[in-house]
N, C-alpha and C. Protein backbone atom coordinates (compact mmCIF):
# COMPACT_ATOMS: atom_id res chain seq x y z
N MET A 1 33.53 -23.24 82.25
CA MET A 1 34.87 -23.45 82.12
C MET A 1 35.48 -24.24 83.21
N SER A 2 36.18 -25.15 82.92
CA SER A 2 36.67 -26.12 83.96
C SER A 2 38.19 -25.91 84.10
N GLN A 3 38.67 -25.92 85.33
CA GLN A 3 40.09 -25.88 85.60
C GLN A 3 40.78 -27.15 85.86
N THR A 4 41.83 -27.37 85.10
CA THR A 4 42.46 -28.65 85.34
C THR A 4 44.05 -28.37 85.75
N THR A 5 44.33 -28.95 86.54
CA THR A 5 45.80 -28.91 87.08
C THR A 5 46.77 -29.79 86.31
N LEU A 6 47.85 -29.13 85.85
CA LEU A 6 48.85 -29.88 85.09
C LEU A 6 49.73 -30.63 86.05
N PRO A 7 50.23 -31.71 85.62
CA PRO A 7 51.18 -32.41 86.43
C PRO A 7 52.53 -31.61 86.42
N PRO A 8 53.30 -31.54 87.35
CA PRO A 8 54.69 -30.87 87.45
C PRO A 8 55.47 -31.39 86.37
N ASP A 9 56.16 -30.52 85.76
CA ASP A 9 57.10 -31.03 84.65
C ASP A 9 58.41 -31.56 85.39
N SER A 10 58.88 -32.68 84.90
CA SER A 10 60.26 -33.30 85.54
C SER A 10 61.38 -32.49 85.24
N VAL A 11 61.48 -31.74 84.23
CA VAL A 11 62.55 -30.91 83.86
C VAL A 11 62.69 -29.72 84.85
N ASP A 12 61.53 -29.12 85.23
CA ASP A 12 61.39 -28.06 86.27
C ASP A 12 61.82 -28.60 87.48
N GLU A 13 61.54 -29.83 87.90
CA GLU A 13 61.88 -30.41 89.10
C GLU A 13 63.25 -30.50 89.32
N LEU A 14 63.80 -31.19 88.06
CA LEU A 14 65.41 -31.24 88.09
C LEU A 14 66.20 -30.15 88.19
N LEU A 15 65.78 -29.13 87.38
CA LEU A 15 66.42 -27.85 87.53
C LEU A 15 66.26 -27.18 88.90
N ALA A 16 65.14 -27.28 89.48
CA ALA A 16 64.86 -26.66 90.75
C ALA A 16 65.99 -27.50 91.91
N ASP A 17 65.93 -28.66 91.81
CA ASP A 17 66.80 -29.36 92.67
C ASP A 17 68.26 -29.15 92.44
N PHE A 18 68.66 -28.96 91.36
CA PHE A 18 70.08 -28.77 90.97
C PHE A 18 70.50 -27.31 91.46
N PHE A 19 69.70 -26.37 91.21
CA PHE A 19 70.19 -24.86 91.74
C PHE A 19 70.00 -24.85 93.22
N LYS A 20 69.06 -25.68 93.82
CA LYS A 20 68.88 -25.46 95.34
C LYS A 20 70.21 -26.23 95.79
N SER A 21 70.83 -27.07 95.28
CA SER A 21 71.80 -27.96 95.70
C SER A 21 73.21 -27.03 95.61
N GLN A 22 73.29 -26.09 94.65
CA GLN A 22 74.36 -25.29 94.50
C GLN A 22 74.46 -24.00 95.44
N VAL A 23 73.39 -23.75 96.07
CA VAL A 23 73.29 -22.66 97.04
C VAL A 23 73.89 -23.06 98.36
N LYS A 24 74.84 -22.27 98.86
CA LYS A 24 75.75 -22.50 100.03
C LYS A 24 74.78 -22.52 101.21
N GLN A 25 74.86 -23.39 102.15
CA GLN A 25 74.02 -23.40 103.38
C GLN A 25 74.99 -23.33 104.57
N PRO A 26 74.87 -22.62 105.44
CA PRO A 26 74.08 -21.37 105.46
C PRO A 26 74.71 -20.23 104.41
N TRP A 27 73.94 -19.32 104.14
CA TRP A 27 74.52 -18.21 103.19
C TRP A 27 75.56 -17.45 103.90
N PRO A 28 76.65 -17.43 103.07
CA PRO A 28 78.01 -16.63 103.61
C PRO A 28 77.54 -15.14 103.89
N PRO A 29 78.44 -14.70 104.94
CA PRO A 29 78.21 -13.29 105.08
C PRO A 29 78.82 -12.31 104.09
N ALA A 30 78.51 -11.16 103.87
CA ALA A 30 78.93 -10.13 102.88
C ALA A 30 80.37 -9.88 103.19
N PRO A 31 81.33 -9.73 102.18
CA PRO A 31 82.63 -9.38 102.50
C PRO A 31 82.79 -7.84 103.08
N ARG A 32 83.62 -7.75 103.93
CA ARG A 32 83.83 -6.43 104.71
C ARG A 32 84.93 -5.74 103.82
N THR A 33 84.71 -4.38 103.61
CA THR A 33 85.91 -3.64 103.08
C THR A 33 86.11 -2.52 104.05
N ALA A 34 87.28 -2.39 104.24
CA ALA A 34 87.85 -1.21 105.18
C ALA A 34 88.22 -0.07 104.57
N GLU A 35 87.64 1.13 104.91
CA GLU A 35 87.88 2.47 104.44
C GLU A 35 88.69 3.23 105.48
N PRO A 36 89.63 4.04 104.95
CA PRO A 36 90.34 4.76 105.99
C PRO A 36 89.31 5.85 106.59
N ALA A 37 89.67 6.29 107.90
CA ALA A 37 88.78 7.20 108.53
C ALA A 37 89.01 8.61 107.89
N SER A 38 89.98 8.98 107.36
CA SER A 38 90.21 10.27 106.72
C SER A 38 89.13 10.51 105.55
N LEU A 39 89.13 9.29 104.74
CA LEU A 39 88.07 9.12 103.50
C LEU A 39 86.77 9.40 104.07
N LEU A 40 86.36 8.60 105.05
CA LEU A 40 84.93 8.67 105.44
C LEU A 40 84.65 10.18 106.17
N ALA A 41 85.49 10.87 106.72
CA ALA A 41 85.26 12.14 107.26
C ALA A 41 85.31 13.28 106.14
N ALA A 42 86.12 13.11 105.09
CA ALA A 42 86.00 13.82 103.91
C ALA A 42 84.67 13.75 103.17
N ARG A 43 84.32 12.35 103.06
CA ARG A 43 82.88 12.11 102.48
C ARG A 43 81.80 12.84 103.13
N ARG A 44 81.77 12.74 104.57
CA ARG A 44 80.75 13.30 105.37
C ARG A 44 80.72 14.92 105.11
N ALA A 45 81.82 15.44 105.11
CA ALA A 45 81.91 16.86 105.07
C ALA A 45 81.43 17.33 103.78
N ALA A 46 81.94 16.67 102.70
CA ALA A 46 81.56 17.00 101.17
C ALA A 46 79.79 17.02 101.11
N SER A 47 79.49 15.81 101.58
CA SER A 47 77.93 15.68 101.39
C SER A 47 77.08 16.63 102.26
N SER A 48 77.64 17.05 103.30
CA SER A 48 76.91 18.03 104.18
C SER A 48 76.84 19.35 103.45
N ASN A 49 78.11 19.70 102.93
CA ASN A 49 78.30 21.12 102.32
C ASN A 49 77.53 21.03 101.00
N ARG A 50 77.49 19.99 100.30
CA ARG A 50 76.58 19.98 99.16
C ARG A 50 75.14 20.16 99.47
N ALA A 51 74.76 19.61 100.55
CA ALA A 51 73.38 19.72 100.92
C ALA A 51 73.01 21.11 101.37
N ARG A 52 73.99 21.75 102.09
CA ARG A 52 73.55 23.17 102.41
C ARG A 52 73.62 24.07 101.20
N VAL A 53 74.45 23.85 100.28
CA VAL A 53 74.52 24.72 99.11
C VAL A 53 73.24 24.51 98.23
N THR A 54 72.80 23.14 98.15
CA THR A 54 71.59 22.90 97.54
C THR A 54 70.33 23.67 98.18
N LEU A 55 70.30 23.56 99.51
CA LEU A 55 69.21 24.19 100.09
C LEU A 55 69.20 25.81 99.94
N ALA A 56 70.51 26.19 100.05
CA ALA A 56 70.52 27.74 99.92
C ALA A 56 70.01 28.15 98.46
N ALA A 57 70.53 27.28 97.47
CA ALA A 57 70.09 27.69 96.09
C ALA A 57 68.58 27.52 95.78
N SER A 58 67.98 26.47 96.53
CA SER A 58 66.64 26.26 96.19
C SER A 58 65.66 27.30 96.87
N VAL A 59 66.21 28.00 98.14
CA VAL A 59 65.56 28.94 98.76
C VAL A 59 65.63 30.16 97.95
N ALA A 60 66.81 30.48 97.39
CA ALA A 60 66.91 31.71 96.68
C ALA A 60 66.32 31.88 95.49
N ILE A 61 66.02 30.57 94.71
CA ILE A 61 65.44 30.39 93.49
C ILE A 61 63.96 30.63 93.93
N LEU A 62 63.37 30.14 94.90
CA LEU A 62 61.99 30.15 95.32
C LEU A 62 61.58 31.60 95.62
N LEU A 63 62.45 32.38 96.50
CA LEU A 63 62.29 33.84 96.87
C LEU A 63 62.42 34.69 95.60
N GLY A 64 63.46 34.38 94.68
CA GLY A 64 63.42 35.13 93.33
C GLY A 64 62.34 35.02 92.71
N ALA A 65 61.90 33.82 92.45
CA ALA A 65 60.49 33.63 91.53
C ALA A 65 59.26 34.27 92.25
N CYS A 66 59.11 34.21 93.59
CA CYS A 66 57.94 34.92 94.05
C CYS A 66 58.09 36.36 93.90
N TRP A 67 59.27 36.94 94.03
CA TRP A 67 59.54 38.45 93.80
C TRP A 67 59.19 38.80 92.42
N TYR A 68 59.70 37.90 91.50
CA TYR A 68 59.66 38.17 89.91
C TYR A 68 58.09 38.13 89.52
N PHE A 69 57.38 37.15 89.93
CA PHE A 69 56.04 37.03 89.53
C PHE A 69 55.07 37.88 90.32
N SER A 70 55.42 38.64 91.47
CA SER A 70 54.65 39.54 92.25
C SER A 70 54.91 40.87 91.48
N ASN A 71 55.67 40.92 90.33
CA ASN A 71 56.01 42.10 89.71
C ASN A 71 56.98 43.13 90.31
N GLY A 72 57.92 42.43 91.05
CA GLY A 72 59.09 43.08 91.67
C GLY A 72 58.47 44.03 92.89
N SER A 73 59.31 45.02 93.14
CA SER A 73 59.09 45.90 94.09
C SER A 73 58.03 47.09 93.81
N HIS A 74 57.86 47.19 92.54
CA HIS A 74 57.04 48.25 92.05
C HIS A 74 55.85 47.72 91.26
N PRO A 75 54.68 47.54 92.05
CA PRO A 75 53.52 46.95 91.17
C PRO A 75 53.02 48.03 90.15
N ALA A 76 52.48 47.38 89.03
CA ALA A 76 51.89 48.34 87.89
C ALA A 76 50.64 49.15 88.40
N GLU A 77 50.55 50.28 87.80
CA GLU A 77 49.37 51.00 88.00
C GLU A 77 48.20 50.37 87.30
N ARG A 78 47.17 50.39 88.07
CA ARG A 78 45.96 49.80 87.44
C ARG A 78 45.16 50.90 87.05
N GLY A 79 44.87 51.01 85.59
CA GLY A 79 44.05 51.90 84.94
C GLY A 79 42.71 51.24 84.63
N LYS A 80 41.88 52.05 83.78
CA LYS A 80 40.74 51.54 83.16
C LYS A 80 41.02 50.36 82.24
N PRO A 81 40.10 49.54 82.21
CA PRO A 81 40.33 48.56 81.25
C PRO A 81 40.17 49.19 79.71
N ALA A 82 40.82 48.61 78.77
CA ALA A 82 40.71 49.12 77.46
C ALA A 82 39.35 48.74 76.91
N PRO A 83 38.68 49.66 76.14
CA PRO A 83 37.40 49.36 75.62
C PRO A 83 37.53 48.34 74.61
N GLY A 84 36.39 47.42 74.55
CA GLY A 84 36.53 46.38 73.73
C GLY A 84 35.23 45.60 73.74
N PRO A 85 35.06 44.50 73.09
CA PRO A 85 33.77 43.70 73.24
C PRO A 85 33.76 43.19 74.68
N GLY A 86 32.57 43.13 75.31
CA GLY A 86 32.49 42.46 76.55
C GLY A 86 32.89 43.36 77.64
N VAL A 87 33.39 44.63 77.33
CA VAL A 87 33.73 45.52 78.60
C VAL A 87 32.62 46.64 78.72
N LEU A 88 32.24 46.67 79.91
CA LEU A 88 31.01 47.78 80.16
C LEU A 88 31.58 49.09 80.29
N GLN A 89 31.11 50.08 79.60
CA GLN A 89 31.61 51.42 79.66
C GLN A 89 30.73 52.13 80.78
N ASP A 90 31.53 52.76 81.55
CA ASP A 90 30.83 53.51 82.60
C ASP A 90 29.93 52.88 83.40
N GLY A 91 30.02 51.59 83.50
CA GLY A 91 29.00 50.77 84.18
C GLY A 91 27.58 50.85 84.03
N SER A 92 27.16 51.01 82.74
CA SER A 92 25.82 51.21 82.33
C SER A 92 25.19 50.01 81.56
N ALA A 93 24.96 49.17 82.33
CA ALA A 93 24.47 47.69 81.89
C ALA A 93 22.85 47.88 81.82
N LYS A 94 22.47 47.49 80.71
CA LYS A 94 20.78 47.58 80.56
C LYS A 94 20.43 46.26 79.96
N MET A 95 19.12 45.95 80.26
CA MET A 95 18.71 44.76 79.87
C MET A 95 18.17 44.97 78.44
N PRO A 96 18.44 44.08 77.42
CA PRO A 96 18.05 44.12 76.12
C PRO A 96 16.52 44.02 75.89
N GLU A 97 15.96 44.77 74.99
CA GLU A 97 14.61 44.86 74.93
C GLU A 97 13.95 43.29 74.53
N GLU A 98 14.76 42.60 73.80
CA GLU A 98 14.20 41.15 73.44
C GLU A 98 14.17 40.25 74.42
N PHE A 99 14.71 40.55 75.72
CA PHE A 99 14.69 39.68 76.87
C PHE A 99 13.56 40.19 77.80
N LYS A 100 13.07 41.40 77.59
CA LYS A 100 11.99 41.85 78.54
C LYS A 100 10.67 41.05 78.20
N LYS A 101 9.99 40.62 79.04
CA LYS A 101 8.75 40.02 79.04
C LYS A 101 7.61 40.87 79.46
N PRO A 102 6.53 40.79 78.76
CA PRO A 102 5.38 41.73 79.16
C PRO A 102 4.88 41.01 80.56
N LYS A 103 4.44 41.79 81.46
CA LYS A 103 3.89 41.24 82.71
C LYS A 103 2.56 40.62 82.43
N GLU A 104 2.41 39.40 82.98
CA GLU A 104 1.18 38.59 82.82
C GLU A 104 0.15 39.01 83.72
N PRO A 105 -1.12 39.17 83.42
CA PRO A 105 -2.17 39.78 84.31
C PRO A 105 -2.46 38.61 85.48
N MET A 106 -2.61 38.90 86.60
CA MET A 106 -2.79 38.19 87.78
C MET A 106 -4.25 37.55 87.62
N LEU A 107 -4.30 36.18 87.78
CA LEU A 107 -5.64 35.57 87.99
C LEU A 107 -6.17 35.59 89.34
N ASN A 108 -7.46 35.91 89.49
CA ASN A 108 -7.96 35.81 90.75
C ASN A 108 -8.65 34.49 91.17
């Protein structure tokens, strides 16, 4: 596969030159807007209070969820498991007969 470079399109060059000529040199600084000091102080106080309330609520939710999922302050009594398939009764597991192999004689 051969790569060939295409000649630059004259329309692209003309548009690039036009838009570059429209940009102010040097770029003008951003306009400044003045805010009253009381507005700035109120904004700071409101945002810090909001942050504190959010933090307190998230900690309360976290603690509440941990308490709820740990089953509250009264854990449930653990009894014997209900009998059913796969549950051993009285811990009496025995090897099924079909899995027992006869011992092979030892060769001298």
